[in-house]
N, C-alpha and C. Protein backbone atom coordinates (compact mmCIF):
# COMPACT_ATOMS: atom_id res chain seq x y z
N MET A 1 178.25 63.00 24.34
CA MET A 1 179.19 62.52 23.34
C MET A 1 178.66 61.24 22.72
N PHE A 2 178.79 61.13 21.38
CA PHE A 2 178.33 59.95 20.66
C PHE A 2 179.54 59.30 19.98
N ILE A 3 179.74 58.00 20.23
CA ILE A 3 180.83 57.24 19.62
C ILE A 3 180.22 56.09 18.83
N LEU A 4 180.30 56.18 17.51
CA LEU A 4 179.63 55.22 16.64
C LEU A 4 180.13 53.80 16.84
N SER A 5 181.42 53.62 17.06
CA SER A 5 182.01 52.29 17.14
C SER A 5 181.62 51.53 18.40
N GLN A 6 180.93 52.17 19.33
CA GLN A 6 180.51 51.48 20.55
C GLN A 6 179.37 50.50 20.29
N SER A 7 178.75 50.61 19.10
CA SER A 7 177.71 49.67 18.70
C SER A 7 178.13 49.01 17.39
N ASN A 8 177.83 47.72 17.25
CA ASN A 8 178.17 47.01 16.03
C ASN A 8 177.31 47.50 14.86
N SER A 9 177.98 47.80 13.74
CA SER A 9 177.26 48.21 12.54
C SER A 9 178.20 48.07 11.34
N ILE A 10 177.65 48.24 10.14
CA ILE A 10 178.44 48.17 8.92
C ILE A 10 179.50 49.26 8.89
N ALA A 11 179.33 50.31 9.70
CA ALA A 11 180.31 51.39 9.76
C ALA A 11 181.69 50.87 10.16
N SER A 12 181.75 49.80 10.93
CA SER A 12 183.04 49.24 11.35
C SER A 12 183.86 48.78 10.15
N GLN A 13 183.19 48.29 9.11
CA GLN A 13 183.91 47.89 7.90
C GLN A 13 184.54 49.09 7.22
N TYR A 14 183.78 50.17 7.08
CA TYR A 14 184.30 51.37 6.42
C TYR A 14 185.47 51.96 7.21
N LEU A 15 185.33 51.96 8.54
CA LEU A 15 186.38 52.51 9.38
C LEU A 15 187.64 51.65 9.32
N SER A 16 187.47 50.33 9.32
CA SER A 16 188.63 49.45 9.26
C SER A 16 189.37 49.60 7.94
N GLU A 17 188.63 49.83 6.85
CA GLU A 17 189.27 50.03 5.55
C GLU A 17 190.01 51.35 5.50
N LEU A 18 189.52 52.37 6.19
CA LEU A 18 190.23 53.64 6.27
C LEU A 18 191.56 53.48 7.00
N ARG A 19 191.61 52.61 7.98
CA ARG A 19 192.82 52.41 8.78
C ARG A 19 193.82 51.47 8.10
N ASP A 20 193.36 50.53 7.30
CA ASP A 20 194.20 49.49 6.72
C ASP A 20 195.22 50.09 5.75
N ILE A 21 196.51 49.91 6.00
CA ILE A 21 197.55 50.56 5.19
C ILE A 21 197.57 50.07 3.75
N HIS A 22 196.99 48.89 3.49
CA HIS A 22 196.96 48.37 2.13
C HIS A 22 195.74 48.91 1.38
N ILE A 23 194.59 48.84 2.01
CA ILE A 23 193.35 49.30 1.36
C ILE A 23 193.36 50.81 1.19
N GLN A 24 193.93 51.55 2.15
CA GLN A 24 193.85 53.01 2.11
C GLN A 24 194.69 53.61 0.98
N GLN A 25 195.52 52.81 0.32
CA GLN A 25 196.28 53.33 -0.82
C GLN A 25 195.39 53.59 -2.04
N ASP A 26 194.21 53.01 -2.03
CA ASP A 26 193.23 53.28 -3.08
C ASP A 26 192.49 54.56 -2.70
N ARG A 27 192.89 55.68 -3.30
CA ARG A 27 192.34 56.98 -2.90
C ARG A 27 190.84 57.08 -3.11
N LEU A 28 190.37 56.52 -4.22
CA LEU A 28 188.93 56.58 -4.48
C LEU A 28 188.16 55.87 -3.39
N ARG A 29 188.63 54.70 -3.00
CA ARG A 29 187.96 53.94 -1.94
C ARG A 29 188.06 54.67 -0.61
N PHE A 30 189.22 55.28 -0.35
CA PHE A 30 189.40 56.03 0.89
C PHE A 30 188.39 57.16 0.98
N ARG A 31 188.27 57.94 -0.12
CA ARG A 31 187.31 59.06 -0.12
C ARG A 31 185.88 58.55 0.01
N LYS A 32 185.58 57.44 -0.66
CA LYS A 32 184.22 56.89 -0.60
C LYS A 32 183.87 56.44 0.81
N ASN A 33 184.83 55.84 1.51
CA ASN A 33 184.56 55.39 2.88
C ASN A 33 184.35 56.58 3.82
N LEU A 34 185.10 57.67 3.59
CA LEU A 34 184.84 58.88 4.37
C LEU A 34 183.44 59.40 4.11
N GLU A 35 183.04 59.39 2.85
CA GLU A 35 181.70 59.85 2.49
C GLU A 35 180.63 58.98 3.14
N ARG A 36 180.82 57.66 3.10
CA ARG A 36 179.85 56.75 3.71
C ARG A 36 179.69 57.03 5.21
N LEU A 37 180.82 57.23 5.89
CA LEU A 37 180.74 57.51 7.33
C LEU A 37 180.08 58.86 7.58
N GLY A 38 180.30 59.82 6.69
CA GLY A 38 179.61 61.10 6.82
C GLY A 38 178.11 60.94 6.73
N GLU A 39 177.65 60.07 5.84
CA GLU A 39 176.21 59.81 5.71
C GLU A 39 175.65 59.17 6.97
N ILE A 40 176.38 58.18 7.48
CA ILE A 40 175.91 57.48 8.70
C ILE A 40 175.84 58.45 9.87
N MET A 41 176.86 59.29 10.02
CA MET A 41 176.87 60.22 11.15
C MET A 41 175.81 61.30 10.99
N ALA A 42 175.56 61.72 9.76
CA ALA A 42 174.49 62.70 9.53
C ALA A 42 173.15 62.12 9.97
N TYR A 43 172.93 60.86 9.67
CA TYR A 43 171.69 60.19 10.10
C TYR A 43 171.58 60.19 11.63
N GLU A 44 172.69 59.90 12.31
CA GLU A 44 172.66 59.86 13.77
C GLU A 44 172.39 61.25 14.34
N ILE A 45 173.03 62.27 13.79
CA ILE A 45 172.80 63.64 14.27
C ILE A 45 171.36 64.06 14.02
N SER A 46 170.79 63.62 12.89
CA SER A 46 169.42 64.03 12.54
C SER A 46 168.42 63.64 13.62
N LYS A 47 168.71 62.61 14.39
CA LYS A 47 167.80 62.18 15.45
C LYS A 47 167.70 63.20 16.58
N ASN A 48 168.71 64.07 16.69
CA ASN A 48 168.78 65.02 17.80
C ASN A 48 168.32 66.42 17.43
N LEU A 49 167.90 66.62 16.20
CA LEU A 49 167.44 67.94 15.78
C LEU A 49 165.96 68.14 16.11
N ALA A 50 165.52 69.37 16.05
CA ALA A 50 164.11 69.69 16.33
C ALA A 50 163.28 69.41 15.09
N TYR A 51 162.10 68.82 15.30
CA TYR A 51 161.18 68.50 14.20
C TYR A 51 159.84 69.18 14.43
N THR A 52 159.13 69.40 13.33
CA THR A 52 157.80 69.96 13.40
C THR A 52 156.89 69.22 12.43
N SER A 53 155.62 69.12 12.78
CA SER A 53 154.67 68.40 11.94
C SER A 53 154.24 69.27 10.77
N GLN A 54 154.35 68.73 9.57
CA GLN A 54 153.95 69.45 8.37
C GLN A 54 153.06 68.56 7.50
N LYS A 55 152.15 69.21 6.79
CA LYS A 55 151.23 68.45 5.95
C LYS A 55 151.76 68.35 4.52
N ILE A 56 151.60 67.16 3.94
CA ILE A 56 151.94 66.95 2.54
C ILE A 56 150.78 66.22 1.87
N GLU A 57 150.71 66.34 0.56
CA GLU A 57 149.67 65.64 -0.19
C GLU A 57 150.25 64.42 -0.87
N THR A 58 149.71 63.26 -0.56
CA THR A 58 150.06 62.04 -1.27
C THR A 58 149.11 61.92 -2.48
N PRO A 59 149.30 60.94 -3.34
CA PRO A 59 148.36 60.78 -4.45
C PRO A 59 146.92 60.51 -4.01
N PHE A 60 146.73 60.16 -2.71
CA PHE A 60 145.40 59.80 -2.25
C PHE A 60 144.83 60.73 -1.19
N ILE A 61 145.63 61.03 -0.16
CA ILE A 61 145.12 61.87 0.93
C ILE A 61 146.22 62.81 1.43
N GLU A 62 145.82 63.77 2.24
CA GLU A 62 146.77 64.65 2.91
C GLU A 62 147.15 64.03 4.25
N ILE A 63 148.45 64.04 4.56
CA ILE A 63 148.92 63.48 5.83
C ILE A 63 149.89 64.46 6.49
N SER A 64 150.10 64.27 7.79
CA SER A 64 151.08 65.05 8.55
C SER A 64 152.33 64.21 8.77
N VAL A 65 153.48 64.80 8.55
CA VAL A 65 154.75 64.09 8.73
C VAL A 65 155.70 64.98 9.53
N PRO A 66 156.58 64.38 10.35
CA PRO A 66 157.58 65.18 11.07
C PRO A 66 158.76 65.50 10.16
N LEU A 67 159.04 66.79 10.01
CA LEU A 67 160.17 67.24 9.19
C LEU A 67 161.06 68.15 10.03
N ILE A 68 162.34 68.22 9.66
CA ILE A 68 163.28 69.07 10.39
C ILE A 68 162.77 70.51 10.40
N GLU A 69 162.71 71.07 11.59
CA GLU A 69 162.16 72.42 11.76
C GLU A 69 163.00 73.46 11.04
N LYS A 70 164.33 73.38 11.19
CA LYS A 70 165.23 74.30 10.52
C LYS A 70 166.51 73.56 10.18
N GLN A 71 166.91 73.61 8.92
CA GLN A 71 168.09 72.89 8.48
C GLN A 71 169.35 73.40 9.20
N PRO A 72 170.28 72.52 9.50
CA PRO A 72 171.53 72.95 10.13
C PRO A 72 172.43 73.65 9.12
N VAL A 73 173.45 74.30 9.63
CA VAL A 73 174.52 74.85 8.80
C VAL A 73 175.70 73.89 8.90
N ILE A 74 176.23 73.45 7.77
CA ILE A 74 177.33 72.51 7.76
C ILE A 74 178.61 73.25 7.38
N ILE A 75 179.63 73.17 8.22
CA ILE A 75 180.90 73.84 7.99
C ILE A 75 181.98 72.79 7.78
N SER A 76 182.66 72.87 6.64
CA SER A 76 183.74 71.93 6.32
C SER A 76 185.09 72.57 6.58
N VAL A 77 185.96 71.85 7.30
CA VAL A 77 187.33 72.32 7.52
C VAL A 77 188.19 71.71 6.41
N LEU A 78 188.63 72.56 5.49
CA LEU A 78 189.40 72.11 4.33
C LEU A 78 190.83 71.73 4.75
N ARG A 79 191.49 70.75 4.02
CA ARG A 79 190.97 70.07 2.84
C ARG A 79 190.48 68.67 3.17
N ALA A 80 190.96 68.14 4.29
CA ALA A 80 190.73 66.74 4.62
C ALA A 80 189.25 66.40 4.77
N ALA A 81 188.43 67.38 5.15
CA ALA A 81 187.03 67.09 5.46
C ALA A 81 186.15 66.94 4.23
N VAL A 82 186.65 67.28 3.04
CA VAL A 82 185.78 67.37 1.86
C VAL A 82 184.95 66.10 1.62
N PRO A 83 185.53 64.88 1.56
CA PRO A 83 184.69 63.70 1.32
C PRO A 83 183.73 63.41 2.48
N PHE A 84 184.20 63.60 3.71
CA PHE A 84 183.38 63.38 4.90
C PHE A 84 182.22 64.38 4.91
N PHE A 85 182.53 65.64 4.60
CA PHE A 85 181.53 66.68 4.48
C PHE A 85 180.49 66.34 3.41
N GLN A 86 180.93 65.80 2.28
CA GLN A 86 180.00 65.46 1.21
C GLN A 86 178.99 64.42 1.67
N GLY A 87 179.44 63.46 2.49
CA GLY A 87 178.52 62.48 3.03
C GLY A 87 177.46 63.11 3.91
N VAL A 88 177.86 64.06 4.74
CA VAL A 88 176.90 64.78 5.59
C VAL A 88 175.92 65.55 4.72
N LEU A 89 176.45 66.22 3.69
CA LEU A 89 175.61 67.02 2.81
C LEU A 89 174.65 66.16 2.00
N ASN A 90 175.03 64.92 1.70
CA ASN A 90 174.12 64.01 0.98
C ASN A 90 172.82 63.82 1.74
N PHE A 91 172.90 63.84 3.07
CA PHE A 91 171.70 63.64 3.88
C PHE A 91 171.01 64.96 4.22
N PHE A 92 171.78 66.00 4.52
CA PHE A 92 171.20 67.32 4.79
C PHE A 92 171.31 68.15 3.50
N ASP A 93 170.62 67.71 2.48
CA ASP A 93 170.81 68.30 1.15
C ASP A 93 170.18 69.68 0.99
N HIS A 94 169.42 70.14 1.97
CA HIS A 94 168.85 71.49 1.93
C HIS A 94 169.62 72.45 2.84
N ALA A 95 170.71 71.99 3.42
CA ALA A 95 171.43 72.79 4.41
C ALA A 95 172.26 73.90 3.77
N ASP A 96 172.44 74.99 4.51
CA ASP A 96 173.42 76.01 4.14
C ASP A 96 174.80 75.49 4.54
N CYS A 97 175.84 75.93 3.82
CA CYS A 97 177.18 75.41 4.06
C CYS A 97 178.21 76.53 4.17
N GLY A 98 179.29 76.24 4.85
CA GLY A 98 180.41 77.15 4.96
C GLY A 98 181.71 76.37 4.89
N PHE A 99 182.82 77.10 4.71
CA PHE A 99 184.12 76.45 4.52
C PHE A 99 185.21 77.23 5.25
N ILE A 100 186.10 76.48 5.89
CA ILE A 100 187.24 77.07 6.60
C ILE A 100 188.51 76.37 6.12
N GLY A 101 189.51 77.16 5.75
CA GLY A 101 190.80 76.60 5.39
C GLY A 101 191.71 76.58 6.61
N ALA A 102 192.19 75.42 7.01
CA ALA A 102 193.02 75.30 8.20
C ALA A 102 194.20 74.39 7.94
N PHE A 103 195.34 74.73 8.55
CA PHE A 103 196.48 73.81 8.49
C PHE A 103 197.28 73.94 9.78
N ARG A 104 198.01 72.89 10.08
CA ARG A 104 198.79 72.87 11.31
C ARG A 104 200.22 73.30 11.04
N LYS A 105 200.71 74.20 11.89
CA LYS A 105 202.11 74.61 11.85
C LYS A 105 202.85 73.86 12.94
N ASP A 106 203.78 73.01 12.52
CA ASP A 106 204.55 72.25 13.51
C ASP A 106 205.50 73.19 14.24
N GLY A 107 205.43 73.14 15.56
CA GLY A 107 206.31 74.00 16.35
C GLY A 107 207.75 73.52 16.29
N GLU A 108 208.67 74.40 16.60
CA GLU A 108 210.08 74.04 16.62
C GLU A 108 210.46 73.56 18.01
N GLY A 109 211.27 72.49 18.03
CA GLY A 109 211.69 71.95 19.31
C GLY A 109 210.52 71.46 20.12
N ASN A 110 210.37 72.02 21.32
CA ASN A 110 209.28 71.63 22.21
C ASN A 110 208.07 72.54 22.10
N ASP A 111 208.09 73.44 21.09
CA ASP A 111 206.94 74.33 20.92
C ASP A 111 205.71 73.53 20.52
N PRO A 112 204.54 73.91 21.01
CA PRO A 112 203.32 73.16 20.68
C PRO A 112 202.87 73.37 19.24
N ILE A 113 202.04 72.44 18.75
CA ILE A 113 201.44 72.57 17.43
C ILE A 113 200.51 73.78 17.42
N GLU A 114 200.60 74.59 16.38
CA GLU A 114 199.72 75.73 16.21
C GLU A 114 198.85 75.54 14.98
N ILE A 115 197.64 76.07 15.02
CA ILE A 115 196.71 75.96 13.90
C ILE A 115 196.56 77.31 13.22
N GLU A 116 196.77 77.32 11.92
CA GLU A 116 196.59 78.53 11.11
C GLU A 116 195.30 78.42 10.32
N LEU A 117 194.48 79.44 10.42
CA LEU A 117 193.24 79.50 9.64
C LEU A 117 193.36 80.61 8.61
N GLY A 118 193.04 80.27 7.37
CA GLY A 118 193.11 81.27 6.32
C GLY A 118 191.73 81.59 5.78
N TYR A 119 191.37 80.96 4.71
CA TYR A 119 190.09 81.20 4.04
C TYR A 119 188.91 80.80 4.92
N ILE A 120 187.89 81.65 4.94
CA ILE A 120 186.65 81.30 5.62
C ILE A 120 185.48 81.96 4.89
N ALA A 121 184.46 81.18 4.63
CA ALA A 121 183.22 81.68 4.02
C ALA A 121 182.07 80.93 4.66
N ALA A 122 181.12 81.67 5.20
CA ALA A 122 180.01 81.03 5.92
C ALA A 122 178.77 81.91 5.87
N PRO A 123 177.60 81.29 5.95
CA PRO A 123 176.36 82.06 6.09
C PRO A 123 176.17 82.48 7.54
N SER A 124 175.10 83.19 7.82
CA SER A 124 174.78 83.51 9.21
C SER A 124 174.52 82.22 9.97
N ILE A 125 175.09 82.12 11.16
CA ILE A 125 174.84 80.96 12.02
C ILE A 125 174.08 81.37 13.28
N GLU A 126 173.59 82.59 13.30
CA GLU A 126 172.88 83.10 14.47
C GLU A 126 171.67 82.22 14.80
N GLY A 127 171.68 81.64 16.01
CA GLY A 127 170.57 80.81 16.46
C GLY A 127 170.41 79.51 15.71
N ARG A 128 171.39 79.11 14.92
CA ARG A 128 171.29 77.90 14.11
C ARG A 128 172.05 76.74 14.77
N GLU A 129 171.70 75.54 14.38
CA GLU A 129 172.50 74.37 14.76
C GLU A 129 173.57 74.20 13.70
N VAL A 130 174.81 74.13 14.14
CA VAL A 130 175.96 74.07 13.24
C VAL A 130 176.64 72.72 13.37
N ILE A 131 176.94 72.10 12.23
CA ILE A 131 177.71 70.86 12.21
C ILE A 131 179.09 71.19 11.66
N LEU A 132 180.10 71.15 12.52
CA LEU A 132 181.48 71.47 12.13
C LEU A 132 182.20 70.16 11.83
N VAL A 133 182.60 70.00 10.57
CA VAL A 133 183.08 68.71 10.07
C VAL A 133 184.60 68.73 9.86
N ASP A 134 185.31 67.88 10.59
CA ASP A 134 186.76 67.71 10.43
C ASP A 134 187.05 66.26 10.79
N PRO A 135 187.62 65.46 9.88
CA PRO A 135 187.72 64.02 10.14
C PRO A 135 188.58 63.62 11.33
N MET A 136 189.62 64.42 11.65
CA MET A 136 190.52 64.03 12.73
C MET A 136 190.45 65.04 13.87
N LEU A 137 189.98 64.61 15.02
CA LEU A 137 189.96 65.44 16.21
C LEU A 137 191.19 65.02 17.02
N ALA A 138 192.33 65.66 16.72
CA ALA A 138 193.60 65.29 17.35
C ALA A 138 193.83 66.14 18.60
N THR A 139 194.45 67.31 18.43
CA THR A 139 194.66 68.19 19.59
C THR A 139 193.39 68.94 19.98
N GLY A 140 192.46 69.06 19.04
CA GLY A 140 191.24 69.82 19.28
C GLY A 140 191.39 71.29 18.95
N LYS A 141 192.61 71.73 18.61
CA LYS A 141 192.85 73.16 18.38
C LYS A 141 192.16 73.67 17.13
N SER A 142 192.12 72.87 16.07
CA SER A 142 191.48 73.34 14.84
C SER A 142 189.98 73.54 15.06
N PHE A 143 189.36 72.67 15.85
CA PHE A 143 187.94 72.84 16.16
C PHE A 143 187.72 74.13 16.95
N ILE A 144 188.55 74.37 17.96
CA ILE A 144 188.38 75.55 18.80
C ILE A 144 188.63 76.82 18.00
N GLU A 145 189.70 76.85 17.22
CA GLU A 145 190.00 78.03 16.41
C GLU A 145 188.89 78.29 15.39
N SER A 146 188.35 77.22 14.84
CA SER A 146 187.26 77.37 13.87
C SER A 146 186.02 77.98 14.52
N THR A 147 185.68 77.52 15.71
CA THR A 147 184.51 78.08 16.40
C THR A 147 184.72 79.55 16.74
N ARG A 148 185.96 79.92 17.04
CA ARG A 148 186.24 81.33 17.34
C ARG A 148 186.08 82.19 16.10
N LYS A 149 186.57 81.72 14.98
CA LYS A 149 186.45 82.47 13.73
C LYS A 149 184.99 82.59 13.30
N LEU A 150 184.19 81.56 13.61
CA LEU A 150 182.80 81.57 13.20
C LEU A 150 181.95 82.55 14.01
N ARG A 151 182.46 83.05 15.13
CA ARG A 151 181.69 83.97 15.97
C ARG A 151 181.28 85.22 15.20
N LYS A 152 182.07 85.62 14.20
CA LYS A 152 181.74 86.82 13.43
C LYS A 152 180.48 86.64 12.60
N TYR A 153 180.03 85.37 12.45
CA TYR A 153 178.83 85.07 11.67
C TYR A 153 177.62 84.84 12.57
N GLY A 154 177.78 85.04 13.87
CA GLY A 154 176.67 84.89 14.79
C GLY A 154 176.96 83.90 15.90
N VAL A 155 176.02 83.83 16.84
CA VAL A 155 176.14 82.88 17.95
C VAL A 155 175.20 81.72 17.68
N PRO A 156 175.73 80.52 17.50
CA PRO A 156 174.87 79.38 17.16
C PRO A 156 174.06 78.89 18.35
N LYS A 157 172.97 78.23 18.05
CA LYS A 157 172.18 77.58 19.09
C LYS A 157 172.96 76.44 19.71
N LYS A 158 173.62 75.67 18.85
CA LYS A 158 174.45 74.54 19.30
C LYS A 158 175.43 74.19 18.19
N ILE A 159 176.61 73.73 18.59
CA ILE A 159 177.59 73.25 17.62
C ILE A 159 177.76 71.75 17.80
N HIS A 160 177.64 71.02 16.70
CA HIS A 160 177.91 69.59 16.67
C HIS A 160 179.29 69.39 16.06
N LEU A 161 180.26 68.94 16.86
CA LEU A 161 181.61 68.71 16.38
C LEU A 161 181.70 67.28 15.87
N LEU A 162 181.96 67.14 14.58
CA LEU A 162 181.86 65.83 13.93
C LEU A 162 183.21 65.38 13.40
N SER A 163 183.66 64.20 13.83
CA SER A 163 184.94 63.66 13.38
C SER A 163 184.80 62.17 13.08
N VAL A 164 185.79 61.66 12.35
CA VAL A 164 185.88 60.21 12.13
C VAL A 164 186.58 59.56 13.30
N ILE A 165 187.71 60.13 13.70
CA ILE A 165 188.50 59.59 14.81
C ILE A 165 188.86 60.74 15.75
N ALA A 166 188.75 60.49 17.05
CA ALA A 166 189.07 61.49 18.06
C ALA A 166 190.08 60.94 19.05
N SER A 167 190.81 61.83 19.69
CA SER A 167 191.75 61.45 20.75
C SER A 167 191.20 61.93 22.10
N PRO A 168 191.57 61.26 23.19
CA PRO A 168 191.15 61.74 24.51
C PRO A 168 191.69 63.13 24.82
N GLU A 169 192.92 63.42 24.36
CA GLU A 169 193.51 64.73 24.60
C GLU A 169 192.70 65.83 23.92
N GLY A 170 192.30 65.56 22.68
CA GLY A 170 191.50 66.54 21.95
C GLY A 170 190.14 66.76 22.59
N MET A 171 189.56 65.68 23.08
CA MET A 171 188.26 65.80 23.75
C MET A 171 188.36 66.69 24.99
N ARG A 172 189.43 66.47 25.77
CA ARG A 172 189.61 67.28 26.98
C ARG A 172 189.84 68.74 26.63
N TYR A 173 190.61 68.99 25.58
CA TYR A 173 190.91 70.36 25.17
C TYR A 173 189.62 71.10 24.79
N ILE A 174 188.77 70.42 24.07
CA ILE A 174 187.50 71.04 23.68
C ILE A 174 186.63 71.34 24.90
N GLU A 175 186.53 70.40 25.81
CA GLU A 175 185.71 70.61 27.00
C GLU A 175 186.24 71.77 27.84
N GLN A 176 187.56 71.98 27.81
CA GLN A 176 188.16 73.05 28.60
C GLN A 176 188.04 74.42 27.93
N HIS A 177 187.92 74.46 26.59
CA HIS A 177 188.02 75.73 25.89
C HIS A 177 186.77 76.16 25.12
N LEU A 178 185.81 75.28 24.94
CA LEU A 178 184.62 75.65 24.16
C LEU A 178 183.49 76.04 25.11
N ASP A 179 183.10 77.31 25.03
CA ASP A 179 182.08 77.84 25.94
C ASP A 179 180.72 77.98 25.29
N LEU A 180 180.51 77.31 24.16
CA LEU A 180 179.21 77.30 23.50
C LEU A 180 178.53 75.96 23.73
N PRO A 181 177.19 75.92 23.69
CA PRO A 181 176.50 74.62 23.76
C PRO A 181 177.01 73.73 22.61
N HIS A 182 177.39 72.52 22.94
CA HIS A 182 177.96 71.66 21.90
C HIS A 182 177.77 70.19 22.22
N GLU A 183 177.88 69.39 21.18
CA GLU A 183 177.92 67.93 21.30
C GLU A 183 179.05 67.43 20.42
N ILE A 184 179.71 66.37 20.86
CA ILE A 184 180.80 65.78 20.11
C ILE A 184 180.35 64.45 19.54
N TRP A 185 180.56 64.28 18.23
CA TRP A 185 180.18 63.08 17.52
C TRP A 185 181.42 62.51 16.83
N THR A 186 181.72 61.25 17.06
CA THR A 186 182.87 60.65 16.40
C THR A 186 182.59 59.18 16.10
N CYS A 187 183.27 58.69 15.06
CA CYS A 187 183.11 57.27 14.73
C CYS A 187 183.92 56.39 15.67
N ALA A 188 185.06 56.89 16.17
CA ALA A 188 185.90 56.10 17.07
C ALA A 188 186.70 57.02 17.97
N LEU A 189 186.85 56.62 19.22
CA LEU A 189 187.72 57.32 20.17
C LEU A 189 188.96 56.46 20.36
N ASP A 190 190.11 56.96 19.89
CA ASP A 190 191.34 56.18 19.92
C ASP A 190 192.10 56.37 21.23
N ASP A 191 193.33 55.82 21.27
CA ASP A 191 194.07 55.71 22.54
C ASP A 191 194.70 57.03 23.01
N ASN A 192 195.45 57.69 22.12
CA ASN A 192 196.22 58.86 22.54
C ASN A 192 196.85 59.54 21.33
N LEU A 193 197.56 60.63 21.59
CA LEU A 193 198.37 61.30 20.58
C LEU A 193 199.83 60.92 20.75
N ASN A 194 200.56 60.83 19.61
CA ASN A 194 202.00 60.59 19.72
C ASN A 194 202.73 61.93 19.89
N ASP A 195 204.06 61.90 19.85
CA ASP A 195 204.85 63.11 20.07
C ASP A 195 204.66 64.15 18.97
N PHE A 196 204.13 63.73 17.83
CA PHE A 196 203.91 64.66 16.71
C PHE A 196 202.44 65.06 16.60
N SER A 197 201.67 64.76 17.65
CA SER A 197 200.24 65.11 17.73
C SER A 197 199.40 64.40 16.68
N TYR A 198 199.81 63.20 16.28
CA TYR A 198 198.97 62.35 15.44
C TYR A 198 198.26 61.33 16.32
N ILE A 199 197.03 61.00 15.92
CA ILE A 199 196.22 60.07 16.72
C ILE A 199 196.74 58.65 16.55
N ILE A 200 196.84 57.93 17.67
CA ILE A 200 197.26 56.52 17.69
C ILE A 200 196.11 55.67 18.19
N PRO A 201 195.69 54.58 17.48
CA PRO A 201 196.28 54.08 16.22
C PRO A 201 195.94 54.91 14.99
N GLY A 202 194.85 55.66 14.99
CA GLY A 202 194.55 56.58 13.91
C GLY A 202 194.50 55.94 12.54
N LEU A 203 194.85 56.76 11.52
CA LEU A 203 194.88 56.24 10.15
C LEU A 203 195.91 56.95 9.28
N GLY A 204 196.68 57.86 9.86
CA GLY A 204 197.63 58.64 9.09
C GLY A 204 197.08 60.02 8.80
N ASP A 205 197.56 60.63 7.72
CA ASP A 205 197.11 61.97 7.33
C ASP A 205 195.93 61.84 6.38
N ALA A 206 194.74 62.18 6.84
CA ALA A 206 193.52 61.98 6.05
C ALA A 206 193.55 62.81 4.77
N GLY A 207 194.08 64.02 4.83
CA GLY A 207 194.13 64.85 3.64
C GLY A 207 195.05 64.29 2.58
N ASP A 208 196.22 63.81 2.98
CA ASP A 208 197.16 63.21 2.03
C ASP A 208 196.59 61.93 1.43
N LEU A 209 195.95 61.12 2.24
CA LEU A 209 195.39 59.85 1.74
C LEU A 209 194.24 60.09 0.79
N ALA A 210 193.50 61.16 1.01
CA ALA A 210 192.35 61.44 0.13
C ALA A 210 192.77 62.13 -1.16
N PHE A 211 193.78 63.00 -1.09
CA PHE A 211 194.08 63.87 -2.23
C PHE A 211 195.55 63.88 -2.67
N GLY A 212 196.40 63.17 -1.98
CA GLY A 212 197.81 63.15 -2.32
C GLY A 212 198.62 64.04 -1.40
N PRO A 213 199.94 63.76 -1.29
CA PRO A 213 200.79 64.54 -0.40
C PRO A 213 200.93 65.99 -0.84
N LYS A 214 201.12 66.88 0.14
CA LYS A 214 201.30 68.31 -0.12
C LYS A 214 202.74 68.68 0.20
N LEU A 215 203.22 69.74 -0.43
CA LEU A 215 204.57 70.23 -0.14
C LEU A 215 204.59 71.06 1.12
């Protein structure tokens, strides 16, 4: 597991602005900060991919450079992940991409939160490294349901679960239910979930803050 906030970096500024109730009202800035963190996390993930030496021609001589052996597949969980996903794609600009539409159905009374998945479009992920992008790892159910739906597109070599903020409960749920090789990457690991399954301290509803409230 990789937690970006465990080391001091400029990323702390972007994350703090995402959380700040005054700054986060600026939707453009909110989306831009998600994109910036996506770029930073893509860079961190890139260190763990397989590389191969390839020759290129400079204006003077031919040299060998290490390049990514095979581009990852990037999967965005709509709608909240779009700006965060764009940051990842800015760095993995040759990657194949897929999209999953997901939303949470609030249970009645004491019923648990359920995740509904609708639209899905993805390339083959057979033997590929997959980066599954969703900014909030709350209960972990959307990540697990997404990985199950993706099985129809092949068995990946490894899944990188990428979030901005994660909860301990969500982390445990993933470890208990995900039977594929995986790594978890997050910018911050927060304290817990509240009674409505929102991350505390968190930042609110990332999709609403990025794109406006939904009915």
